[in-house]
All heavy atoms as atom14 arrays in JSON, in Angstrom:
{
  "sequence": "KEQGFDDIEWGEDFGAPHETAIANHYDLPVFITNYPTKIKPFYMQPNP",
  "atom14_mask": [
    [1, 1, 1, 1, 1, 1, 1, 1, 1, 0, 0, 0, 0, 0],
    [1, 1, 1, 1, 1, 1, 1, 1, 1, 0, 0, 0, 0, 0],
    [1, 1, 1, 1, 1, 1, 1, 1, 1, 0, 0, 0, 0, 0],
    [1, 1, 1, 1, 0, 0, 0, 0, 0, 0, 0, 0, 0, 0],
    [1, 1, 1, 1, 1, 1, 1, 1, 1, 1, 1, 0, 0, 0],
    [1, 1, 1, 1, 1, 1, 1, 1, 0, 0, 0, 0, 0, 0],
    [1, 1, 1, 1, 1, 1, 1, 1, 0, 0, 0, 0, 0, 0],
    [1, 1, 1, 1, 1, 1, 1, 1, 0, 0, 0, 0, 0, 0],
    [1, 1, 1, 1, 1, 1, 1, 1, 1, 0, 0, 0, 0, 0],
    [1, 1, 1, 1, 1, 1, 1, 1, 1, 1, 1, 1, 1, 1],
    [1, 1, 1, 1, 0, 0, 0, 0, 0, 0, 0, 0, 0, 0],
    [1, 1, 1, 1, 1, 1, 1, 1, 1, 0, 0, 0, 0, 0],
    [1, 1, 1, 1, 1, 1, 1, 1, 0, 0, 0, 0, 0, 0],
    [1, 1, 1, 1, 1, 1, 1, 1, 1, 1, 1, 0, 0, 0],
    [1, 1, 1, 1, 0, 0, 0, 0, 0, 0, 0, 0, 0, 0],
    [1, 1, 1, 1, 1, 0, 0, 0, 0, 0, 0, 0, 0, 0],
    [1, 1, 1, 1, 1, 1, 1, 0, 0, 0, 0, 0, 0, 0],
    [1, 1, 1, 1, 1, 1, 1, 1, 1, 1, 0, 0, 0, 0],
    [1, 1, 1, 1, 1, 1, 1, 1, 1, 0, 0, 0, 0, 0],
    [1, 1, 1, 1, 1, 1, 1, 0, 0, 0, 0, 0, 0, 0],
    [1, 1, 1, 1, 1, 0, 0, 0, 0, 0, 0, 0, 0, 0],
    [1, 1, 1, 1, 1, 1, 1, 1, 0, 0, 0, 0, 0, 0],
    [1, 1, 1, 1, 1, 0, 0, 0, 0, 0, 0, 0, 0, 0],
    [1, 1, 1, 1, 1, 1, 1, 1, 0, 0, 0, 0, 0, 0],
    [1, 1, 1, 1, 1, 1, 1, 1, 1, 1, 0, 0, 0, 0],
    [1, 1, 1, 1, 1, 1, 1, 1, 1, 1, 1, 1, 0, 0],
    [1, 1, 1, 1, 1, 1, 1, 1, 0, 0, 0, 0, 0, 0],
    [1, 1, 1, 1, 1, 1, 1, 1, 0, 0, 0, 0, 0, 0],
    [1, 1, 1, 1, 1, 1, 1, 0, 0, 0, 0, 0, 0, 0],
    [1, 1, 1, 1, 1, 1, 1, 0, 0, 0, 0, 0, 0, 0],
    [1, 1, 1, 1, 1, 1, 1, 1, 1, 1, 1, 0, 0, 0],
    [1, 1, 1, 1, 1, 1, 1, 1, 0, 0, 0, 0, 0, 0],
    [1, 1, 1, 1, 1, 1, 1, 0, 0, 0, 0, 0, 0, 0],
    [1, 1, 1, 1, 1, 1, 1, 1, 0, 0, 0, 0, 0, 0],
    [1, 1, 1, 1, 1, 1, 1, 1, 1, 1, 1, 1, 0, 0],
    [1, 1, 1, 1, 1, 1, 1, 0, 0, 0, 0, 0, 0, 0],
    [1, 1, 1, 1, 1, 1, 1, 0, 0, 0, 0, 0, 0, 0],
    [1, 1, 1, 1, 1, 1, 1, 1, 1, 0, 0, 0, 0, 0],
    [1, 1, 1, 1, 1, 1, 1, 1, 0, 0, 0, 0, 0, 0],
    [1, 1, 1, 1, 1, 1, 1, 1, 1, 0, 0, 0, 0, 0],
    [1, 1, 1, 1, 1, 1, 1, 0, 0, 0, 0, 0, 0, 0],
    [1, 1, 1, 1, 1, 1, 1, 1, 1, 1, 1, 0, 0, 0],
    [1, 1, 1, 1, 1, 1, 1, 1, 1, 1, 1, 1, 0, 0],
    [1, 1, 1, 1, 1, 1, 1, 1, 0, 0, 0, 0, 0, 0],
    [1, 1, 1, 1, 1, 1, 1, 1, 1, 0, 0, 0, 0, 0],
    [1, 1, 1, 1, 1, 1, 1, 0, 0, 0, 0, 0, 0, 0],
    [1, 1, 1, 1, 1, 1, 1, 1, 0, 0, 0, 0, 0, 0],
    [1, 1, 1, 1, 1, 1, 1, 0, 0, 0, 0, 0, 0, 0]
  ],
  "atom14_positions": [
    [[16.6, -17.54, -2.56], [16.84, -18.81, -1.8], [17.94, -19.66, -2.46], [18.83, -20.22, -1.73], [15.52, -19.66, -1.72], [14.46, -19.02, -0.78], [13.27, -19.92, -0.73], [12.22, -19.37, 0.29], [12.74, -19.42, 1.63], [0.0, 0.0, 0.0], [0.0, 0.0, 0.0], [0.0, 0.0, 0.0], [0.0, 0.0, 0.0], [0.0, 0.0, 0.0]],
    [[18.0, -19.65, -3.74], [19.05, -20.38, -4.47], [20.41, -19.74, -4.24], [21.43, -20.43, -4.27], [18.77, -20.45, -5.95], [17.53, -21.25, -6.36], [17.18, -21.04, -7.82], [17.88, -20.31, -8.51], [16.16, -21.67, -8.26], [0.0, 0.0, 0.0], [0.0, 0.0, 0.0], [0.0, 0.0, 0.0], [0.0, 0.0, 0.0], [0.0, 0.0, 0.0]],
    [[20.42, -18.44, -3.95], [21.66, -17.71, -3.64], [22.13, -17.79, -2.22], [23.02, -17.14, -1.86], [21.49, -16.27, -4.13], [21.24, -16.01, -5.57], [22.34, -16.57, -6.47], [23.53, -16.24, -6.24], [22.04, -17.39, -7.44], [0.0, 0.0, 0.0], [0.0, 0.0, 0.0], [0.0, 0.0, 0.0], [0.0, 0.0, 0.0], [0.0, 0.0, 0.0]],
    [[21.31, -18.51, -1.42], [21.71, -18.7, -0.01], [20.97, -17.75, 0.95], [21.38, -17.72, 2.11], [0.0, 0.0, 0.0], [0.0, 0.0, 0.0], [0.0, 0.0, 0.0], [0.0, 0.0, 0.0], [0.0, 0.0, 0.0], [0.0, 0.0, 0.0], [0.0, 0.0, 0.0], [0.0, 0.0, 0.0], [0.0, 0.0, 0.0], [0.0, 0.0, 0.0]],
    [[20.01, -16.97, 0.51], [19.3, -16.07, 1.42], [18.15, -16.85, 2.06], [16.95, -16.74, 1.67], [18.75, -14.85, 0.65], [19.8, -13.89, 0.18], [20.41, -14.02, -1.07], [20.2, -12.84, 1.03], [21.4, -13.13, -1.5], [21.14, -11.95, 0.6], [21.8, -12.08, -0.66], [0.0, 0.0, 0.0], [0.0, 0.0, 0.0], [0.0, 0.0, 0.0]],
    [[18.54, -17.58, 3.1], [17.51, -18.45, 3.74], [16.58, -17.61, 4.65], [15.56, -18.13, 5.14], [18.24, -19.51, 4.63], [19.07, -20.4, 3.79], [18.69, -20.74, 2.65], [20.1, -20.87, 4.29], [0.0, 0.0, 0.0], [0.0, 0.0, 0.0], [0.0, 0.0, 0.0], [0.0, 0.0, 0.0], [0.0, 0.0, 0.0], [0.0, 0.0, 0.0]],
    [[16.91, -16.34, 4.81], [16.07, -15.52, 5.73], [14.84, -14.98, 5.02], [13.89, -14.5, 5.76], [16.92, -14.29, 6.25], [17.41, -13.42, 5.13], [17.72, -13.95, 4.01], [17.5, -12.25, 5.27], [0.0, 0.0, 0.0], [0.0, 0.0, 0.0], [0.0, 0.0, 0.0], [0.0, 0.0, 0.0], [0.0, 0.0, 0.0], [0.0, 0.0, 0.0]],
    [[14.74, -15.06, 3.74], [13.61, -14.45, 3.06], [12.48, -15.53, 2.81], [12.75, -16.63, 2.51], [14.03, -13.91, 1.67], [12.88, -13.07, 1.03], [14.48, -15.0, 0.71], [12.67, -11.76, 1.77], [0.0, 0.0, 0.0], [0.0, 0.0, 0.0], [0.0, 0.0, 0.0], [0.0, 0.0, 0.0], [0.0, 0.0, 0.0], [0.0, 0.0, 0.0]],
    [[11.25, -15.04, 3.11], [10.07, -15.92, 2.94], [9.11, -15.15, 2.11], [9.06, -13.92, 2.12], [9.45, -16.3, 4.29], [10.36, -17.15, 5.14], [10.61, -18.55, 4.59], [9.77, -19.04, 3.76], [11.62, -19.17, 4.96], [0.0, 0.0, 0.0], [0.0, 0.0, 0.0], [0.0, 0.0, 0.0], [0.0, 0.0, 0.0], [0.0, 0.0, 0.0]],
    [[8.2, -15.89, 1.4], [7.2, -15.24, 0.57], [6.31, -14.4, 1.43], [5.84, -14.84, 2.52], [6.37, -16.31, -0.13], [5.57, -15.71, -1.3], [5.89, -15.72, -2.63], [4.31, -15.03, -1.25], [5.02, -15.04, -3.4], [3.98, -14.59, -2.54], [3.41, -14.69, -0.18], [2.81, -13.94, -2.85], [2.28, -13.97, -0.5], [1.99, -13.64, -1.8]],
    [[6.04, -13.14, 1.01], [5.25, -12.26, 1.77], [5.98, -11.23, 2.53], [5.39, -10.29, 3.07], [0.0, 0.0, 0.0], [0.0, 0.0, 0.0], [0.0, 0.0, 0.0], [0.0, 0.0, 0.0], [0.0, 0.0, 0.0], [0.0, 0.0, 0.0], [0.0, 0.0, 0.0], [0.0, 0.0, 0.0], [0.0, 0.0, 0.0], [0.0, 0.0, 0.0]],
    [[7.35, -11.32, 2.5], [8.21, -10.37, 3.22], [8.76, -9.4, 2.14], [8.95, -9.79, 1.05], [9.31, -11.07, 3.94], [8.9, -11.98, 5.05], [10.03, -12.74, 5.7], [11.11, -12.65, 5.16], [9.75, -13.39, 6.76], [0.0, 0.0, 0.0], [0.0, 0.0, 0.0], [0.0, 0.0, 0.0], [0.0, 0.0, 0.0], [0.0, 0.0, 0.0]],
    [[9.01, -8.21, 2.56], [9.62, -7.19, 1.7], [11.11, -7.47, 1.62], [11.7, -8.07, 2.51], [9.38, -5.77, 2.16], [9.39, -4.8, 1.03], [9.69, -5.13, -0.11], [9.09, -3.61, 1.33], [0.0, 0.0, 0.0], [0.0, 0.0, 0.0], [0.0, 0.0, 0.0], [0.0, 0.0, 0.0], [0.0, 0.0, 0.0], [0.0, 0.0, 0.0]],
    [[11.67, -7.08, 0.53], [13.12, -7.23, 0.31], [13.87, -6.13, 1.01], [13.52, -4.96, 1.03], [13.46, -7.27, -1.2], [12.84, -8.32, -1.96], [12.26, -8.12, -3.22], [12.81, -9.65, -1.43], [11.71, -9.17, -3.91], [12.21, -10.66, -2.11], [11.67, -10.45, -3.37], [0.0, 0.0, 0.0], [0.0, 0.0, 0.0], [0.0, 0.0, 0.0]],
    [[15.04, -6.53, 1.52], [15.97, -5.57, 2.1], [17.09, -5.25, 1.15], [17.11, -5.77, 0.01], [0.0, 0.0, 0.0], [0.0, 0.0, 0.0], [0.0, 0.0, 0.0], [0.0, 0.0, 0.0], [0.0, 0.0, 0.0], [0.0, 0.0, 0.0], [0.0, 0.0, 0.0], [0.0, 0.0, 0.0], [0.0, 0.0, 0.0], [0.0, 0.0, 0.0]],
    [[17.97, -4.36, 1.57], [19.07, -3.91, 0.63], [19.86, -5.07, 0.13], [20.2, -5.17, -1.12], [19.92, -2.89, 1.38], [0.0, 0.0, 0.0], [0.0, 0.0, 0.0], [0.0, 0.0, 0.0], [0.0, 0.0, 0.0], [0.0, 0.0, 0.0], [0.0, 0.0, 0.0], [0.0, 0.0, 0.0], [0.0, 0.0, 0.0], [0.0, 0.0, 0.0]],
    [[20.29, -6.04, 0.97], [21.11, -7.16, 0.44], [20.37, -7.96, -0.64], [21.0, -8.47, -1.57], [21.42, -8.05, 1.63], [21.27, -7.14, 2.81], [20.15, -6.16, 2.46], [0.0, 0.0, 0.0], [0.0, 0.0, 0.0], [0.0, 0.0, 0.0], [0.0, 0.0, 0.0], [0.0, 0.0, 0.0], [0.0, 0.0, 0.0], [0.0, 0.0, 0.0]],
    [[19.05, -8.13, -0.44], [18.25, -8.95, -1.44], [18.21, -8.18, -2.78], [18.4, -8.76, -3.86], [16.84, -9.1, -0.89], [16.77, -9.78, 0.48], [16.19, -9.13, 1.54], [17.27, -10.91, 0.96], [16.32, -9.92, 2.61], [16.94, -11.0, 2.24], [0.0, 0.0, 0.0], [0.0, 0.0, 0.0], [0.0, 0.0, 0.0], [0.0, 0.0, 0.0]],
    [[17.94, -6.87, -2.69], [17.83, -6.08, -3.93], [19.15, -6.01, -4.7], [19.19, -6.15, -5.89], [17.35, -4.64, -3.62], [15.94, -4.57, -3.09], [15.51, -3.15, -2.76], [16.48, -2.3, -2.57], [14.36, -2.88, -2.58], [0.0, 0.0, 0.0], [0.0, 0.0, 0.0], [0.0, 0.0, 0.0], [0.0, 0.0, 0.0], [0.0, 0.0, 0.0]],
    [[20.23, -5.98, -3.89], [21.58, -5.9, -4.5], [21.89, -7.21, -5.23], [22.44, -7.22, -6.33], [22.63, -5.53, -3.4], [22.35, -4.34, -2.89], [24.01, -5.57, -4.07], [0.0, 0.0, 0.0], [0.0, 0.0, 0.0], [0.0, 0.0, 0.0], [0.0, 0.0, 0.0], [0.0, 0.0, 0.0], [0.0, 0.0, 0.0], [0.0, 0.0, 0.0]],
    [[21.53, -8.31, -4.58], [21.78, -9.59, -5.23], [21.07, -9.78, -6.56], [21.62, -10.26, -7.55], [21.46, -10.7, -4.26], [0.0, 0.0, 0.0], [0.0, 0.0, 0.0], [0.0, 0.0, 0.0], [0.0, 0.0, 0.0], [0.0, 0.0, 0.0], [0.0, 0.0, 0.0], [0.0, 0.0, 0.0], [0.0, 0.0, 0.0], [0.0, 0.0, 0.0]],
    [[19.82, -9.32, -6.54], [19.04, -9.45, -7.79], [19.61, -8.54, -8.85], [19.77, -8.96, -10.02], [17.53, -9.07, -7.49], [16.96, -10.1, -6.58], [16.77, -9.0, -8.74], [15.59, -9.72, -5.93], [0.0, 0.0, 0.0], [0.0, 0.0, 0.0], [0.0, 0.0, 0.0], [0.0, 0.0, 0.0], [0.0, 0.0, 0.0], [0.0, 0.0, 0.0]],
    [[19.94, -7.26, -8.47], [20.45, -6.31, -9.5], [21.8, -6.74, -10.0], [22.1, -6.66, -11.24], [20.58, -4.94, -8.83], [0.0, 0.0, 0.0], [0.0, 0.0, 0.0], [0.0, 0.0, 0.0], [0.0, 0.0, 0.0], [0.0, 0.0, 0.0], [0.0, 0.0, 0.0], [0.0, 0.0, 0.0], [0.0, 0.0, 0.0], [0.0, 0.0, 0.0]],
    [[22.69, -7.36, -9.18], [23.95, -7.77, -9.58], [23.89, -8.96, -10.56], [24.78, -9.07, -11.47], [24.83, -8.19, -8.42], [25.3, -7.02, -7.56], [25.28, -5.87, -7.99], [25.77, -7.28, -6.36], [0.0, 0.0, 0.0], [0.0, 0.0, 0.0], [0.0, 0.0, 0.0], [0.0, 0.0, 0.0], [0.0, 0.0, 0.0], [0.0, 0.0, 0.0]],
    [[22.83, -9.73, -10.41], [22.66, -10.87, -11.34], [22.4, -10.38, -12.77], [22.88, -11.0, -13.74], [21.48, -11.72, -10.85], [21.1, -12.84, -11.78], [21.96, -13.96, -11.93], [20.07, -13.04, -12.65], [21.41, -14.75, -12.83], [20.24, -14.29, -13.27], [0.0, 0.0, 0.0], [0.0, 0.0, 0.0], [0.0, 0.0, 0.0], [0.0, 0.0, 0.0]],
    [[21.68, -9.27, -12.88], [21.35, -8.7, -14.24], [22.34, -7.69, -14.67], [22.5, -7.41, -15.87], [19.96, -8.11, -14.24], [18.83, -9.15, -14.08], [18.33, -9.42, -12.86], [18.39, -9.79, -15.21], [17.35, -10.42, -12.65], [17.34, -10.79, -15.06], [16.87, -11.07, -13.79], [15.89, -12.03, -13.67], [0.0, 0.0, 0.0], [0.0, 0.0, 0.0]],
    [[23.02, -7.02, -13.77], [24.0, -5.98, -14.03], [23.34, -4.82, -14.82], [24.09, -4.11, -15.55], [25.15, -6.55, -14.79], [26.49, -5.78, -14.56], [26.54, -5.11, -13.51], [27.36, -5.85, -15.41], [0.0, 0.0, 0.0], [0.0, 0.0, 0.0], [0.0, 0.0, 0.0], [0.0, 0.0, 0.0], [0.0, 0.0, 0.0], [0.0, 0.0, 0.0]],
    [[22.07, -4.63, -14.71], [21.27, -3.54, -15.29], [20.15, -3.23, -14.36], [19.86, -3.91, -13.42], [20.68, -4.1, -16.67], [21.57, -4.25, -17.85], [20.89, -5.04, -18.96], [22.03, -2.88, -18.4], [0.0, 0.0, 0.0], [0.0, 0.0, 0.0], [0.0, 0.0, 0.0], [0.0, 0.0, 0.0], [0.0, 0.0, 0.0], [0.0, 0.0, 0.0]],
    [[19.53, -2.07, -14.57], [18.26, -1.76, -13.84], [17.29, -2.88, -14.08], [17.08, -3.33, -15.23], [17.76, -0.46, -14.4], [19.03, 0.19, -14.96], [19.85, -0.95, -15.54], [0.0, 0.0, 0.0], [0.0, 0.0, 0.0], [0.0, 0.0, 0.0], [0.0, 0.0, 0.0], [0.0, 0.0, 0.0], [0.0, 0.0, 0.0], [0.0, 0.0, 0.0]],
    [[16.67, -3.43, -13.02], [15.77, -4.56, -13.21], [14.4, -4.25, -12.5], [14.41, -3.75, -11.34], [16.37, -5.86, -12.67], [16.9, -5.69, -11.24], [15.43, -7.04, -12.77], [0.0, 0.0, 0.0], [0.0, 0.0, 0.0], [0.0, 0.0, 0.0], [0.0, 0.0, 0.0], [0.0, 0.0, 0.0], [0.0, 0.0, 0.0], [0.0, 0.0, 0.0]],
    [[13.29, -4.55, -13.09], [12.01, -4.48, -12.49], [11.69, -5.74, -11.71], [11.81, -6.84, -12.26], [10.94, -4.3, -13.53], [10.85, -2.95, -14.23], [11.17, -2.81, -15.53], [10.48, -1.84, -13.52], [11.11, -1.52, -16.17], [10.4, -0.61, -14.1], [10.67, -0.43, -15.41], [0.0, 0.0, 0.0], [0.0, 0.0, 0.0], [0.0, 0.0, 0.0]],
    [[11.29, -5.57, -10.45], [10.71, -6.64, -9.67], [9.23, -6.34, -9.62], [8.76, -5.38, -9.09], [11.33, -6.75, -8.29], [12.81, -6.83, -8.3], [10.68, -7.94, -7.47], [13.51, -6.87, -6.97], [0.0, 0.0, 0.0], [0.0, 0.0, 0.0], [0.0, 0.0, 0.0], [0.0, 0.0, 0.0], [0.0, 0.0, 0.0], [0.0, 0.0, 0.0]],
    [[8.43, -7.32, -10.18], [7.0, -7.01, -10.37], [6.15, -7.88, -9.45], [6.52, -8.9, -8.91], [6.58, -7.29, -11.83], [6.7, -8.69, -12.06], [7.45, -6.56, -12.81], [0.0, 0.0, 0.0], [0.0, 0.0, 0.0], [0.0, 0.0, 0.0], [0.0, 0.0, 0.0], [0.0, 0.0, 0.0], [0.0, 0.0, 0.0], [0.0, 0.0, 0.0]],
    [[4.87, -7.39, -9.3], [3.82, -8.19, -8.66], [4.16, -8.69, -7.24], [4.23, -9.84, -6.87], [3.46, -9.46, -9.48], [3.0, -9.07, -10.93], [2.72, -7.88, -11.15], [3.07, -10.0, -11.78], [0.0, 0.0, 0.0], [0.0, 0.0, 0.0], [0.0, 0.0, 0.0], [0.0, 0.0, 0.0], [0.0, 0.0, 0.0], [0.0, 0.0, 0.0]],
    [[4.3, -7.65, -6.36], [4.61, -7.86, -4.94], [3.31, -8.37, -4.24], [2.19, -8.08, -4.75], [5.09, -6.66, -4.28], [6.54, -6.32, -4.49], [6.97, -5.72, -5.68], [7.49, -6.52, -3.51], [8.33, -5.48, -5.89], [8.83, -6.22, -3.66], [9.21, -5.64, -4.89], [10.53, -5.36, -5.1], [0.0, 0.0, 0.0], [0.0, 0.0, 0.0]],
    [[3.45, -9.02, -3.06], [2.26, -9.42, -2.31], [1.37, -8.21, -1.93], [1.95, -7.15, -1.58], [2.83, -10.09, -1.07], [4.15, -10.59, -1.51], [4.69, -9.53, -2.47], [0.0, 0.0, 0.0], [0.0, 0.0, 0.0], [0.0, 0.0, 0.0], [0.0, 0.0, 0.0], [0.0, 0.0, 0.0], [0.0, 0.0, 0.0], [0.0, 0.0, 0.0]],
    [[0.08, -8.34, -1.99], [-0.86, -7.25, -1.68], [-0.61, -6.75, -0.24], [-0.69, -5.48, -0.08], [-2.28, -7.8, -1.75], [-2.48, -8.36, -3.06], [-3.29, -6.73, -1.5], [0.0, 0.0, 0.0], [0.0, 0.0, 0.0], [0.0, 0.0, 0.0], [0.0, 0.0, 0.0], [0.0, 0.0, 0.0], [0.0, 0.0, 0.0], [0.0, 0.0, 0.0]],
    [[-0.37, -7.61, 0.67], [-0.26, -7.17, 2.08], [0.92, -6.28, 2.43], [0.98, -5.58, 3.45], [-0.28, -8.36, 3.01], [1.0, -9.2, 2.95], [0.89, -10.37, 3.97], [2.2, -11.2, 4.0], [2.08, -12.3, 4.96], [0.0, 0.0, 0.0], [0.0, 0.0, 0.0], [0.0, 0.0, 0.0], [0.0, 0.0, 0.0], [0.0, 0.0, 0.0]],
    [[1.96, -6.19, 1.55], [3.16, -5.36, 1.85], [3.13, -4.08, 0.95], [4.15, -3.41, 0.95], [4.42, -6.16, 1.75], [4.7, -6.65, 0.3], [4.49, -7.28, 2.76], [6.01, -7.24, 0.11], [0.0, 0.0, 0.0], [0.0, 0.0, 0.0], [0.0, 0.0, 0.0], [0.0, 0.0, 0.0], [0.0, 0.0, 0.0], [0.0, 0.0, 0.0]],
    [[2.08, -3.9, 0.21], [1.94, -2.69, -0.65], [0.85, -1.81, -0.31], [-0.08, -2.25, 0.44], [1.9, -3.1, -2.11], [3.22, -3.65, -2.65], [4.31, -2.64, -2.68], [5.61, -3.09, -3.25], [6.68, -2.06, -3.21], [0.0, 0.0, 0.0], [0.0, 0.0, 0.0], [0.0, 0.0, 0.0], [0.0, 0.0, 0.0], [0.0, 0.0, 0.0]],
    [[0.85, -0.53, -0.69], [-0.22, 0.41, -0.29], [-1.61, -0.02, -0.85], [-1.72, -0.82, -1.72], [0.25, 1.7, -0.92], [1.75, 1.62, -1.05], [1.95, 0.14, -1.44], [0.0, 0.0, 0.0], [0.0, 0.0, 0.0], [0.0, 0.0, 0.0], [0.0, 0.0, 0.0], [0.0, 0.0, 0.0], [0.0, 0.0, 0.0], [0.0, 0.0, 0.0]],
    [[-2.63, 0.61, -0.25], [-4.0, 0.24, -0.48], [-4.48, 0.47, -1.88], [-5.49, -0.2, -2.35], [-4.92, 0.98, 0.5], [-5.06, 2.49, 0.09], [-6.11, 2.95, -0.61], [-4.14, 3.41, 0.62], [-6.32, 4.23, -0.87], [-4.25, 4.74, 0.3], [-5.37, 5.18, -0.43], [0.0, 0.0, 0.0], [0.0, 0.0, 0.0], [0.0, 0.0, 0.0]],
    [[-3.84, 1.35, -2.67], [-4.42, 1.82, -3.92], [-4.02, 0.99, -5.12], [-4.39, 1.28, -6.26], [-4.03, 3.23, -4.16], [-2.55, 3.52, -4.02], [-1.65, 3.09, -4.97], [-2.06, 4.17, -2.9], [-0.31, 3.26, -4.83], [-0.68, 4.36, -2.75], [0.19, 3.94, -3.7], [1.52, 4.12, -3.55], [0.0, 0.0, 0.0], [0.0, 0.0, 0.0]],
    [[-3.23, -0.12, -4.92], [-2.69, -0.84, -6.08], [-3.73, -1.84, -6.61], [-4.37, -2.6, -5.9], [-1.42, -1.51, -5.71], [-0.29, -0.54, -5.39], [1.32, -1.37, -5.16], [2.35, 0.09, -4.95], [0.0, 0.0, 0.0], [0.0, 0.0, 0.0], [0.0, 0.0, 0.0], [0.0, 0.0, 0.0], [0.0, 0.0, 0.0], [0.0, 0.0, 0.0]],
    [[-3.78, -1.93, -7.93], [-4.71, -2.82, -8.66], [-4.35, -4.29, -8.46], [-3.15, -4.65, -8.57], [-4.68, -2.49, -10.2], [-5.6, -3.3, -11.02], [-7.07, -2.99, -10.85], [-7.41, -1.97, -10.22], [-7.91, -3.8, -11.43], [0.0, 0.0, 0.0], [0.0, 0.0, 0.0], [0.0, 0.0, 0.0], [0.0, 0.0, 0.0], [0.0, 0.0, 0.0]],
    [[-5.27, -5.15, -8.11], [-4.95, -6.6, -7.93], [-4.49, -7.19, -9.19], [-4.87, -6.81, -10.33], [-6.3, -7.16, -7.51], [-7.1, -6.05, -6.95], [-6.65, -4.82, -7.72], [0.0, 0.0, 0.0], [0.0, 0.0, 0.0], [0.0, 0.0, 0.0], [0.0, 0.0, 0.0], [0.0, 0.0, 0.0], [0.0, 0.0, 0.0], [0.0, 0.0, 0.0]],
    [[-3.67, -8.2, -9.08], [-3.11, -8.93, -10.24], [-4.18, -9.96, -10.6], [-4.5, -10.86, -9.89], [-1.79, -9.62, -9.85], [-1.25, -10.45, -10.96], [-1.72, -10.46, -12.1], [-0.16, -11.14, -10.66], [0.0, 0.0, 0.0], [0.0, 0.0, 0.0], [0.0, 0.0, 0.0], [0.0, 0.0, 0.0], [0.0, 0.0, 0.0], [0.0, 0.0, 0.0]],
    [[-4.75, -9.85, -11.81], [-5.78, -10.82, -12.24], [-5.29, -12.28, -12.24], [-6.11, -13.22, -12.19], [-6.24, -10.36, -13.62], [-5.04, -9.55, -14.12], [-4.46, -8.94, -12.9], [0.0, 0.0, 0.0], [0.0, 0.0, 0.0], [0.0, 0.0, 0.0], [0.0, 0.0, 0.0], [0.0, 0.0, 0.0], [0.0, 0.0, 0.0], [0.0, 0.0, 0.0]]
  ]
}
Protein backbone atom coordinates (compact mmCIF):
# COMPACT_ATOMS: atom_id res chain seq x y z
CA LYS A 1 0.00 0.00 0.00
CA GLU A 2 2.89 2.34 0.79
CA GLN A 3 4.31 1.54 -2.66
CA GLY A 4 1.07 2.61 -4.32
CA PHE A 5 -0.61 -0.79 -4.77
CA ASP A 6 -4.10 0.37 -3.82
CA ASP A 7 -5.64 -2.75 -5.38
CA ILE A 8 -4.43 -5.11 -2.64
CA GLU A 9 -6.54 -5.80 0.44
CA TRP A 10 -5.89 -8.04 3.42
CA GLY A 11 -7.11 -11.55 2.66
CA GLU A 12 -6.24 -11.47 -1.04
CA ASP A 13 -3.43 -13.45 -2.61
CA PHE A 14 -0.51 -11.61 -4.17
CA GLY A 15 -0.07 -11.38 -7.91
CA ALA A 16 3.14 -11.18 -9.90
CA PRO A 17 3.50 -7.36 -9.61
CA HIS A 18 3.09 -7.55 -5.82
CA GLU A 19 5.67 -10.32 -5.43
CA THR A 20 8.11 -8.50 -7.70
CA ALA A 21 7.81 -5.26 -5.71
CA ILE A 22 8.53 -7.08 -2.45
CA ALA A 23 11.48 -9.03 -3.90
CA ASN A 24 12.97 -5.92 -5.51
CA HIS A 25 12.92 -4.16 -2.16
CA TYR A 26 15.17 -6.82 -0.64
CA ASP A 27 17.10 -7.72 -3.81
CA LEU A 28 17.41 -11.25 -2.39
CA PRO A 29 15.13 -14.28 -2.08
CA VAL A 30 12.57 -13.30 0.56
CA PHE A 31 10.12 -15.33 2.63
CA ILE A 32 6.56 -14.01 2.90
CA THR A 33 5.14 -15.74 5.97
CA ASN A 34 1.79 -16.35 7.67
CA TYR A 35 -0.76 -15.97 4.89
CA PRO A 36 -4.50 -15.80 5.66
CA THR A 37 -6.05 -19.20 6.35
CA LYS A 38 -8.77 -18.78 3.75
CA ILE A 39 -6.39 -18.49 0.77
CA LYS A 40 -4.19 -21.46 1.69
CA PRO A 41 -4.77 -25.25 1.53
CA PHE A 42 -6.61 -27.15 4.25
CA TYR A 43 -3.61 -28.91 5.78
CA MET A 44 -1.67 -25.90 7.10
CA GLN A 45 -1.13 -25.47 10.84
CA PRO A 46 -2.87 -22.41 12.38
CA ASN A 47 -0.66 -19.57 13.57
CA PRO A 48 -0.93 -19.52 17.39
